[in-house]
Structures are given as C-alpha cells and as structure tokens.
C-alpha cells in the first residue's frame, strides 16, 4: 500500500472520531437544555443519525427514519435556533433508533 493511502485512511479515521465527539457534545447539550440548541447543530445530529434530509429548501428540514408509522423527523429553523419540542422529538427518535436498530456510533 502506498504511504499516502495509509495517511488518508488515518485522517479519515481521526476525522470520524472528532466528528462523533462533537456530535456527542451536541447531544449532551440537547439533553441538558433543549431550549438553547442551534439549528445547525441539530442538523448535524440529524444528518449523522438519519442521513441527508429529504427536504431542505425552506426553513424546514425533513429526515427519513427507518421505522413504520410516521417515518420522518421534521425540524425548523427559528431565528438560528431549533425549537425545543423538535429537539426533544429528535432525542426520542435517536433513542428509538439505538434501542430498536442498534447504535449508529
């Protein structure tokens, strides 16, 4: 294996660890104070657990979930902040995802 290829793999691994550490920090903040979560941070968490949004052209972003029923997470940008009830819905969806389908981390 060429030396540059092994460096790239190491960087991707390290970047993934750093990103997941940041996501863990955001999740902790979301749990501690759902009233003060930046919309961009909530988007990062949703993209980590649910993938790219189905819709993101307006102030709303809609993410698909892997279970039956209402298979979506709908979040809304309100002056740069996420709405507290939507933060709580995302936390519940992540918990359901981890319990029902195993942790993504």
N, C-alpha and C. Protein backbone atom coordinates (compact mmCIF):
# COMPACT_ATOMS: atom_id res chain seq x y z
N UNK A 1 0.84 -1.17 0.00
CA UNK A 1 0.00 0.00 0.00
C UNK A 1 0.90 1.24 0.00
N UNK A 2 0.60 2.20 -0.88
CA UNK A 2 1.41 3.43 -0.89
C UNK A 2 1.25 4.20 0.41
N UNK A 3 2.32 4.90 0.77
CA UNK A 3 2.32 5.63 2.02
C UNK A 3 1.20 6.66 2.10
N UNK A 4 0.90 7.36 1.01
CA UNK A 4 -0.14 8.40 1.01
C UNK A 4 -1.52 7.80 1.29
N UNK A 5 -1.74 6.56 0.85
CA UNK A 5 -3.03 5.92 1.07
C UNK A 5 -3.24 5.62 2.56
N UNK A 6 -2.22 5.17 3.26
CA UNK A 6 -2.36 4.88 4.68
C UNK A 6 -2.57 6.17 5.48
N UNK A 7 -1.95 7.27 5.06
CA UNK A 7 -2.17 8.55 5.74
C UNK A 7 -3.61 8.99 5.56
N UNK A 8 -4.16 8.84 4.38
CA UNK A 8 -5.53 9.22 4.11
C UNK A 8 -6.48 8.42 4.99
N UNK A 9 -6.28 7.12 5.09
CA UNK A 9 -7.13 6.29 5.94
C UNK A 9 -7.06 6.75 7.39
N UNK A 10 -5.87 7.08 7.87
CA UNK A 10 -5.71 7.54 9.24
C UNK A 10 -6.43 8.87 9.44
N UNK A 11 -6.34 9.78 8.48
CA UNK A 11 -7.02 11.06 8.59
C UNK A 11 -8.53 10.88 8.62
N UNK A 12 -9.05 10.02 7.78
CA UNK A 12 -10.49 9.76 7.78
C UNK A 12 -10.92 9.18 9.12
N UNK A 13 -10.15 8.27 9.64
CA UNK A 13 -10.46 7.68 10.95
C UNK A 13 -10.46 8.75 12.04
N UNK A 14 -9.42 9.56 12.06
CA UNK A 14 -9.33 10.63 13.06
C UNK A 14 -10.45 11.64 12.90
N UNK A 15 -10.76 12.00 11.65
CA UNK A 15 -11.86 12.94 11.40
C UNK A 15 -13.17 12.37 11.91
N UNK A 16 -13.40 11.09 11.71
CA UNK A 16 -14.63 10.45 12.19
C UNK A 16 -14.71 10.50 13.70
N UNK A 17 -13.61 10.25 14.37
CA UNK A 17 -13.58 10.31 15.84
C UNK A 17 -13.89 11.73 16.31
N UNK A 18 -13.29 12.71 15.67
CA UNK A 18 -13.52 14.11 16.06
C UNK A 18 -14.97 14.50 15.81
N UNK A 19 -15.52 14.11 14.67
CA UNK A 19 -16.92 14.43 14.37
C UNK A 19 -17.85 13.78 15.38
N UNK A 20 -17.62 12.52 15.70
CA UNK A 20 -18.51 11.84 16.64
C UNK A 20 -18.37 12.43 18.05
N UNK A 21 -17.18 12.88 18.41
CA UNK A 21 -17.01 13.53 19.71
C UNK A 21 -17.82 14.82 19.73
N UNK A 22 -17.80 15.55 18.64
CA UNK A 22 -18.58 16.79 18.54
C UNK A 22 -20.08 16.48 18.60
N UNK A 23 -20.53 15.45 17.93
CA UNK A 23 -21.93 15.05 17.96
C UNK A 23 -22.33 14.67 19.39
N UNK A 24 -21.45 13.97 20.09
CA UNK A 24 -21.72 13.62 21.49
C UNK A 24 -21.87 14.87 22.36
N UNK A 25 -21.04 15.88 22.09
CA UNK A 25 -21.15 17.14 22.83
C UNK A 25 -22.49 17.83 22.55
N UNK A 26 -22.89 17.83 21.30
CA UNK A 26 -24.17 18.45 20.93
C UNK A 26 -25.32 17.69 21.58
N UNK A 27 -25.26 16.36 21.54
CA UNK A 27 -26.31 15.54 22.17
C UNK A 27 -26.42 15.84 23.66
N UNK A 28 -25.29 15.97 24.32
CA UNK A 28 -25.30 16.28 25.75
C UNK A 28 -25.96 17.64 25.99
N UNK A 29 -25.64 18.61 25.16
CA UNK A 29 -26.25 19.93 25.28
C UNK A 29 -27.75 19.85 25.02
N UNK A 30 -28.15 19.07 24.02
CA UNK A 30 -29.57 18.93 23.68
C UNK A 30 -30.34 18.35 24.87
N UNK A 31 -29.75 17.38 25.53
CA UNK A 31 -30.41 16.74 26.68
C UNK A 31 -30.47 17.69 27.87
N UNK A 32 -29.42 18.46 28.07
CA UNK A 32 -29.34 19.35 29.22
C UNK A 32 -30.24 20.57 29.05
N UNK A 33 -30.27 21.14 27.84
CA UNK A 33 -31.04 22.36 27.62
C UNK A 33 -31.61 22.38 26.20
N UNK A 34 -32.74 21.72 25.97
CA UNK A 34 -33.32 21.68 24.62
C UNK A 34 -33.81 23.04 24.13
N UNK A 35 -33.90 24.02 25.02
CA UNK A 35 -34.36 25.35 24.62
C UNK A 35 -33.26 26.20 23.98
N UNK A 36 -32.02 25.74 24.05
CA UNK A 36 -30.91 26.56 23.57
C UNK A 36 -29.99 25.74 22.66
N UNK A 37 -30.56 25.23 21.55
CA UNK A 37 -29.79 24.43 20.61
C UNK A 37 -29.79 25.15 19.26
N UNK A 38 -28.61 25.33 18.72
CA UNK A 38 -28.53 25.96 17.40
C UNK A 38 -29.11 25.03 16.35
N UNK A 39 -29.80 25.61 15.40
CA UNK A 39 -30.41 24.83 14.33
C UNK A 39 -29.35 24.06 13.55
N UNK A 40 -28.21 24.68 13.29
CA UNK A 40 -27.15 24.00 12.54
C UNK A 40 -26.62 22.78 13.30
N UNK A 41 -26.56 22.88 14.63
CA UNK A 41 -26.13 21.73 15.44
C UNK A 41 -27.15 20.60 15.37
N UNK A 42 -28.42 20.95 15.42
CA UNK A 42 -29.46 19.92 15.32
C UNK A 42 -29.41 19.25 13.95
N UNK A 43 -29.13 20.02 12.92
CA UNK A 43 -28.99 19.45 11.57
C UNK A 43 -27.84 18.46 11.51
N UNK A 44 -26.70 18.79 12.14
CA UNK A 44 -25.55 17.88 12.16
C UNK A 44 -25.91 16.56 12.83
N UNK A 45 -26.64 16.65 13.93
CA UNK A 45 -27.04 15.44 14.65
C UNK A 45 -27.99 14.62 13.77
N UNK A 46 -28.97 15.26 13.18
CA UNK A 46 -29.93 14.54 12.33
C UNK A 46 -29.25 13.88 11.14
N UNK A 47 -28.31 14.58 10.52
CA UNK A 47 -27.61 14.01 9.37
C UNK A 47 -26.75 12.83 9.80
N UNK A 48 -26.19 12.87 10.99
CA UNK A 48 -25.38 11.76 11.49
C UNK A 48 -26.23 10.51 11.69
N UNK A 49 -27.41 10.67 12.26
CA UNK A 49 -28.25 9.53 12.59
C UNK A 49 -29.24 9.14 11.49
N UNK A 50 -29.69 10.09 10.67
CA UNK A 50 -30.76 9.81 9.71
C UNK A 50 -30.36 10.07 8.26
N UNK A 51 -29.16 10.57 8.01
CA UNK A 51 -28.72 10.82 6.64
C UNK A 51 -29.13 12.20 6.16
N UNK A 52 -28.95 12.41 4.88
CA UNK A 52 -29.29 13.70 4.28
C UNK A 52 -30.80 13.94 4.35
N UNK A 53 -31.20 15.21 4.50
CA UNK A 53 -32.63 15.50 4.57
C UNK A 53 -33.32 15.28 3.22
N UNK A 54 -34.59 14.85 3.28
CA UNK A 54 -35.39 14.73 2.06
C UNK A 54 -35.72 16.11 1.51
N UNK A 55 -35.88 17.05 2.42
CA UNK A 55 -36.22 18.41 2.03
C UNK A 55 -35.38 19.37 2.87
N UNK A 56 -34.83 20.38 2.22
CA UNK A 56 -34.12 21.41 2.96
C UNK A 56 -34.14 22.75 2.26
N UNK A 57 -35.12 22.96 1.39
CA UNK A 57 -35.19 24.19 0.62
C UNK A 57 -35.79 25.35 1.42
N UNK A 58 -36.58 25.05 2.42
CA UNK A 58 -37.22 26.11 3.20
C UNK A 58 -36.60 26.16 4.59
N UNK A 59 -37.32 26.74 5.53
CA UNK A 59 -36.83 26.79 6.91
C UNK A 59 -36.96 25.43 7.58
N UNK A 60 -37.66 24.50 6.94
CA UNK A 60 -37.84 23.15 7.47
C UNK A 60 -36.86 22.19 6.82
N UNK A 61 -36.45 21.20 7.59
CA UNK A 61 -35.69 20.06 7.06
C UNK A 61 -36.41 18.80 7.50
N UNK A 62 -36.56 17.88 6.57
CA UNK A 62 -37.27 16.65 6.86
C UNK A 62 -36.33 15.48 6.63
N UNK A 63 -36.20 14.64 7.66
CA UNK A 63 -35.32 13.47 7.61
C UNK A 63 -36.16 12.20 7.70
N UNK A 64 -35.78 11.22 6.93
CA UNK A 64 -36.48 9.93 6.93
C UNK A 64 -35.94 9.06 8.06
N UNK A 65 -36.85 8.30 8.69
CA UNK A 65 -36.45 7.35 9.73
C UNK A 65 -36.76 5.94 9.24
N UNK A 66 -36.10 4.92 9.80
CA UNK A 66 -36.23 3.56 9.29
C UNK A 66 -37.41 2.76 9.84
N UNK A 67 -38.31 3.36 10.59
CA UNK A 67 -39.40 2.57 11.18
C UNK A 67 -40.74 2.91 10.55
N UNK A 68 -41.71 2.04 10.82
CA UNK A 68 -43.08 2.20 10.32
C UNK A 68 -43.76 3.36 11.04
N UNK A 69 -44.88 3.77 10.53
CA UNK A 69 -45.63 4.84 11.15
C UNK A 69 -45.26 6.15 10.49
N UNK A 70 -45.06 7.17 11.29
CA UNK A 70 -44.70 8.48 10.76
C UNK A 70 -43.18 8.49 10.56
N UNK A 71 -42.73 8.09 9.39
CA UNK A 71 -41.29 7.89 9.19
C UNK A 71 -40.52 9.15 8.84
N UNK A 72 -40.61 10.15 9.71
CA UNK A 72 -39.86 11.36 9.41
C UNK A 72 -39.57 12.16 10.67
N UNK A 73 -38.53 12.95 10.56
CA UNK A 73 -38.18 13.94 11.57
C UNK A 73 -38.27 15.28 10.86
N UNK A 74 -39.04 16.18 11.42
CA UNK A 74 -39.24 17.50 10.82
C UNK A 74 -38.71 18.54 11.79
N UNK A 75 -37.68 19.27 11.36
CA UNK A 75 -37.13 20.32 12.22
C UNK A 75 -37.23 21.66 11.50
N UNK A 76 -37.24 22.72 12.30
CA UNK A 76 -37.49 24.05 11.74
C UNK A 76 -36.51 25.05 12.33
N UNK A 77 -35.99 25.91 11.47
CA UNK A 77 -35.09 26.98 11.88
C UNK A 77 -35.93 28.15 12.37
N UNK A 78 -35.71 28.55 13.61
CA UNK A 78 -36.42 29.70 14.17
C UNK A 78 -35.39 30.69 14.68
N UNK A 79 -35.01 31.64 13.82
CA UNK A 79 -34.03 32.67 14.17
C UNK A 79 -32.69 32.07 14.60
N UNK A 80 -32.27 31.02 13.89
CA UNK A 80 -30.99 30.39 14.16
C UNK A 80 -31.02 29.31 15.23
N UNK A 81 -32.13 29.18 15.90
CA UNK A 81 -32.29 28.17 16.97
C UNK A 81 -33.26 27.10 16.53
N UNK A 82 -33.14 25.94 17.14
CA UNK A 82 -34.09 24.85 16.93
C UNK A 82 -35.20 25.00 17.96
N UNK A 83 -36.38 24.57 17.58
CA UNK A 83 -37.50 24.62 18.53
C UNK A 83 -37.33 23.49 19.54
N UNK A 84 -37.59 23.80 20.81
CA UNK A 84 -37.34 22.85 21.90
C UNK A 84 -38.12 21.56 21.72
N UNK A 85 -39.38 21.64 21.31
CA UNK A 85 -40.16 20.41 21.15
C UNK A 85 -39.60 19.54 20.04
N UNK A 86 -39.01 20.16 19.02
CA UNK A 86 -38.41 19.38 17.94
C UNK A 86 -37.09 18.76 18.39
N UNK A 87 -36.34 19.44 19.23
CA UNK A 87 -35.12 18.87 19.80
C UNK A 87 -35.48 17.61 20.60
N UNK A 88 -36.54 17.71 21.40
CA UNK A 88 -36.98 16.55 22.18
C UNK A 88 -37.44 15.41 21.29
N UNK A 89 -38.12 15.73 20.18
CA UNK A 89 -38.54 14.70 19.23
C UNK A 89 -37.33 14.00 18.60
N UNK A 90 -36.30 14.76 18.29
CA UNK A 90 -35.08 14.18 17.72
C UNK A 90 -34.41 13.26 18.74
N UNK A 91 -34.33 13.69 19.98
CA UNK A 91 -33.74 12.85 21.02
C UNK A 91 -34.51 11.55 21.18
N UNK A 92 -35.83 11.61 21.16
CA UNK A 92 -36.64 10.39 21.26
C UNK A 92 -36.43 9.49 20.04
N UNK A 93 -36.32 10.08 18.87
CA UNK A 93 -36.10 9.29 17.66
C UNK A 93 -34.73 8.61 17.69
N UNK A 94 -33.72 9.31 18.18
CA UNK A 94 -32.38 8.71 18.29
C UNK A 94 -32.41 7.56 19.29
N UNK A 95 -33.10 7.75 20.40
CA UNK A 95 -33.22 6.68 21.38
C UNK A 95 -33.93 5.47 20.78
N UNK A 96 -35.00 5.72 20.04
CA UNK A 96 -35.73 4.63 19.38
C UNK A 96 -34.83 3.93 18.35
N UNK A 97 -34.06 4.71 17.64
CA UNK A 97 -33.15 4.15 16.65
C UNK A 97 -32.10 3.27 17.30
N UNK A 98 -31.52 3.74 18.40
CA UNK A 98 -30.48 2.99 19.08
C UNK A 98 -31.02 1.73 19.76
N UNK A 99 -32.20 1.83 20.35
CA UNK A 99 -32.79 0.67 21.03
C UNK A 99 -33.29 -0.36 20.02
N UNK A 100 -33.99 0.13 19.00
CA UNK A 100 -34.61 -0.78 18.03
C UNK A 100 -33.70 -1.30 16.95
N UNK A 101 -32.70 -0.53 16.60
CA UNK A 101 -31.87 -0.90 15.45
C UNK A 101 -30.39 -0.91 15.77
N UNK A 102 -30.03 -0.76 17.01
CA UNK A 102 -28.62 -0.73 17.38
C UNK A 102 -28.07 0.68 17.20
N UNK A 103 -27.06 0.99 17.94
CA UNK A 103 -26.44 2.32 17.88
C UNK A 103 -25.69 2.49 16.59
N UNK A 104 -25.77 3.69 16.02
CA UNK A 104 -25.02 4.02 14.81
C UNK A 104 -23.58 4.39 15.13
N UNK A 105 -23.30 4.67 16.38
CA UNK A 105 -21.94 5.07 16.75
C UNK A 105 -21.09 3.87 17.06
